[in-house]
Every structure is written in C-alpha cells, then in structure tokens.
Amino acid sequence: MNKMITRLFSSGLMIILFSINVIGQDEIFKVVEEMPRFPGCEEMEDKNEKHNCAQGKMLQYIYSTLQYPSAARVNKVEGTAIIRFIVDIDGSVVDSQIMRDPGEGCGEAALAVVESFNTMENRWIPGKQRGKAVKVQYTLPVKFKLAK
C-alpha cells in the first residue's frame, strides 16, 4: 500500500510530497529480499549454501513422504503437479491449492505432501522484506515419473 505524505513547513512556502511503501499484514509477496526456506539449514553462514541445503532437505522430505497414487501407476500417468501455497509470517503453510494436475490423484498426492509441512517439527523460515517477516506465495512443481 502506498501512502502520500504531505508536509507543510512553517514558512508556508514549501510542500514536499513523498511516498512510503507500508508493508501490510495481509499483503502477499511473490518476490522478496529473503525468500522463505525449508527448515534444517539454519547453521550455515553462506546464503547460497543455505539455499541449496534447504532445497535438498525439501526434496528429501517430499520424496520420502510422497505416495505415487495407485490409479496413476495402473494407468501409467506421469507428469508434473504444481502446487501453490503461501508461507505465512510464522512459517506455517496456508492456502495451498493445486494449479496443475496430471490426473489420477497425482495433484491430490502432491497437495497432501505440502499440507503435511505444517505437521513437521520445525516450520518454514518465513520470507523477509526490509527485515520484517511477510507472507510469500510459493509455487512447487512435483514431478511424477514411473520407474522403467
């Protein structure tokens, strides 16, 4: 939300207009200075190492939790499910939804994994804008591929 602030100095001759970008509690960001991170790599100092470690931990969690739907196996359904969710200011995952579903329960299986993030011992590290935790929209592709 942008606000215009007007200042009239005692001389009465000068009016200065400037805008301040106010971060609201309900504003949802797509890109922030510090993106949300999957938990487990907080001890790392280097930003890139921390990011890569968090991505690896998230993939490890997804692959250990994801159940390939039996109907999809039988019908040889493969493809990418896309789940969109919001990482809230407390690190919880909210408003998760299926954006693309290859079918036969794959989208629901991927959604179940995302919703299980809230049952983990540690929550996500929330995204930050100007040093303040904010809500950030996150899009997660989950690939379903049968072993040959």
Protein backbone atom coordinates (compact mmCIF):
# COMPACT_ATOMS: atom_id res chain seq x y z
CA MET A 1 0.00 0.00 0.00
CA ASN A 2 1.44 3.38 -0.94
CA LYS A 3 0.71 6.46 1.12
CA MET A 4 1.28 10.02 0.11
CA ILE A 5 2.52 12.22 2.92
CA THR A 6 2.33 15.98 2.66
CA ARG A 7 4.45 18.29 4.79
CA LEU A 8 3.84 21.98 5.03
CA PHE A 9 6.70 23.78 6.69
CA SER A 10 6.20 26.79 8.93
CA SER A 11 7.31 29.11 6.14
CA GLY A 12 4.21 28.09 4.24
CA LEU A 13 6.17 28.12 1.01
CA MET A 14 7.36 24.56 0.73
CA ILE A 15 5.22 21.45 0.33
CA ILE A 16 7.05 18.16 -0.01
CA LEU A 17 5.28 15.09 -1.25
CA PHE A 18 6.84 11.67 -0.86
CA SER A 19 5.59 8.14 -0.72
CA ILE A 20 6.28 5.47 1.85
CA ASN A 21 5.67 1.85 1.00
CA VAL A 22 3.91 0.35 4.01
CA ILE A 23 4.05 -3.43 4.34
CA GLY A 24 0.61 -4.63 5.40
CA GLN A 25 -0.10 -7.78 7.39
CA ASP A 26 -2.33 -9.14 4.61
CA GLU A 27 -0.09 -8.31 1.67
CA ILE A 28 1.18 -11.40 -0.16
CA PHE A 29 4.51 -11.13 -1.95
CA LYS A 30 5.80 -13.21 -4.84
CA VAL A 31 9.39 -12.00 -4.63
CA VAL A 32 11.07 -10.68 -1.50
CA GLU A 33 14.58 -9.78 -0.42
CA GLU A 34 14.84 -13.03 1.53
CA MET A 35 12.70 -15.87 0.18
CA PRO A 36 11.13 -18.46 2.55
CA ARG A 37 13.25 -21.52 3.24
CA PHE A 38 12.52 -25.09 4.17
CA PRO A 39 13.87 -25.72 7.69
CA GLY A 40 17.05 -27.53 8.60
CA CYS A 41 20.00 -25.49 7.35
CA GLU A 42 19.99 -22.50 9.68
CA GLU A 43 23.54 -23.16 10.95
CA MET A 44 25.06 -22.39 7.53
CA GLU A 45 26.52 -18.92 7.04
CA ASP A 46 26.74 -18.64 3.26
CA LYS A 47 23.41 -17.68 1.65
CA ASN A 48 23.90 -19.88 -1.42
CA GLU A 49 24.92 -22.89 0.65
CA LYS A 50 21.93 -22.33 2.94
CA HIS A 51 19.57 -22.08 -0.05
CA ASN A 52 20.97 -25.23 -1.71
CA CYS A 53 20.87 -27.15 1.57
CA ALA A 54 17.23 -26.12 2.19
CA GLN A 55 16.26 -27.15 -1.36
CA GLY A 56 17.92 -30.52 -0.83
CA LYS A 57 16.16 -31.06 2.50
CA MET A 58 12.81 -30.15 0.95
CA LEU A 59 13.32 -32.61 -1.93
CA GLN A 60 14.37 -35.30 0.53
CA TYR A 61 11.20 -34.65 2.58
CA ILE A 62 8.95 -34.65 -0.50
CA TYR A 63 10.38 -37.90 -1.91
CA SER A 64 10.20 -39.66 1.45
CA THR A 65 6.59 -38.53 2.04
CA LEU A 66 5.04 -38.59 -1.43
CA GLN A 67 2.85 -41.57 -2.31
CA TYR A 68 2.50 -42.31 -6.03
CA PRO A 69 -1.26 -42.88 -6.42
CA SER A 70 -2.11 -46.48 -7.33
CA ALA A 71 -4.60 -45.38 -10.02
CA ALA A 72 -1.85 -43.30 -11.62
CA ARG A 73 0.51 -46.31 -11.53
CA VAL A 74 -2.05 -48.63 -13.10
CA ASN A 75 -2.91 -46.09 -15.83
CA LYS A 76 0.75 -45.13 -16.33
CA VAL A 77 0.07 -41.46 -15.58
CA GLU A 78 3.18 -39.29 -15.44
CA GLY A 79 3.61 -35.55 -15.37
CA THR A 80 4.10 -32.56 -13.13
CA ALA A 81 1.67 -31.42 -10.47
CA ILE A 82 2.04 -27.79 -9.49
CA ILE A 83 1.04 -26.72 -6.00
CA ARG A 84 0.81 -23.08 -4.96
CA PHE A 85 0.81 -22.10 -1.31
CA ILE A 86 1.65 -19.23 1.00
CA VAL A 87 4.37 -19.32 3.62
CA ASP A 88 2.88 -17.19 6.39
CA ILE A 89 4.81 -14.87 8.71
CA ASP A 90 5.05 -17.62 11.35
CA GLY A 91 6.41 -20.17 8.86
CA SER A 92 3.16 -22.09 8.53
CA VAL A 93 1.88 -23.13 5.11
CA VAL A 94 -1.60 -21.81 4.24
CA ASP A 95 -3.91 -21.55 1.24
CA SER A 96 -2.38 -24.49 -0.63
CA GLN A 97 -4.03 -25.37 -3.92
CA ILE A 98 -3.46 -27.50 -7.00
CA MET A 99 -2.60 -25.37 -10.02
CA ARG A 100 -1.83 -28.25 -12.42
CA ASP A 101 -2.78 -31.88 -12.03
CA PRO A 102 -1.58 -34.66 -14.36
CA GLY A 103 -4.55 -36.71 -13.15
CA GLU A 104 -5.42 -39.95 -11.37
CA GLY A 105 -4.76 -38.48 -7.91
CA CYS A 106 -1.28 -37.05 -8.53
CA GLY A 107 -2.34 -33.47 -7.75
CA GLU A 108 -4.01 -34.58 -4.51
CA ALA A 109 -0.90 -36.58 -3.52
CA ALA A 110 1.34 -33.56 -4.06
CA LEU A 111 -1.11 -31.33 -2.17
CA ALA A 112 -1.09 -33.78 0.76
CA VAL A 113 2.70 -33.50 0.99
CA VAL A 114 2.54 -29.69 1.01
CA GLU A 115 -0.17 -29.71 3.66
CA SER A 116 1.98 -32.08 5.76
CA PHE A 117 4.63 -29.33 6.03
CA ASN A 118 2.59 -27.98 8.96
CA THR A 119 2.98 -31.26 10.87
CA MET A 120 6.78 -31.15 10.80
CA GLU A 121 8.67 -30.41 14.00
CA ASN A 122 10.11 -27.19 12.53
CA ARG A 123 8.22 -24.72 10.37
CA TRP A 124 9.48 -22.97 7.27
CA ILE A 125 11.71 -19.95 7.74
CA PRO A 126 9.42 -17.10 6.63
CA GLY A 127 10.35 -14.72 3.83
CA LYS A 128 11.50 -11.23 4.75
CA GLN A 129 11.11 -7.83 3.21
CA ARG A 130 13.10 -4.98 4.77
CA GLY A 131 13.94 -7.22 7.71
CA LYS A 132 10.30 -7.98 8.50
CA ALA A 133 8.63 -11.41 8.10
CA VAL A 134 5.99 -11.29 5.35
CA LYS A 135 3.60 -13.68 3.59
CA VAL A 136 5.13 -15.11 0.43
CA GLN A 137 3.47 -17.11 -2.34
CA TYR A 138 5.46 -20.21 -3.26
CA THR A 139 4.97 -22.44 -6.29
CA LEU A 140 6.20 -26.02 -6.10
CA PRO A 141 6.37 -28.38 -9.09
CA VAL A 142 6.23 -32.08 -8.15
CA LYS A 143 7.23 -34.47 -10.92
CA PHE A 144 5.62 -37.91 -11.17
CA LYS A 145 7.60 -40.41 -13.22
CA LEU A 146 7.27 -44.18 -13.15
CA ALA A 147 10.41 -46.31 -12.91
CA LYS A 148 11.07 -48.29 -16.09
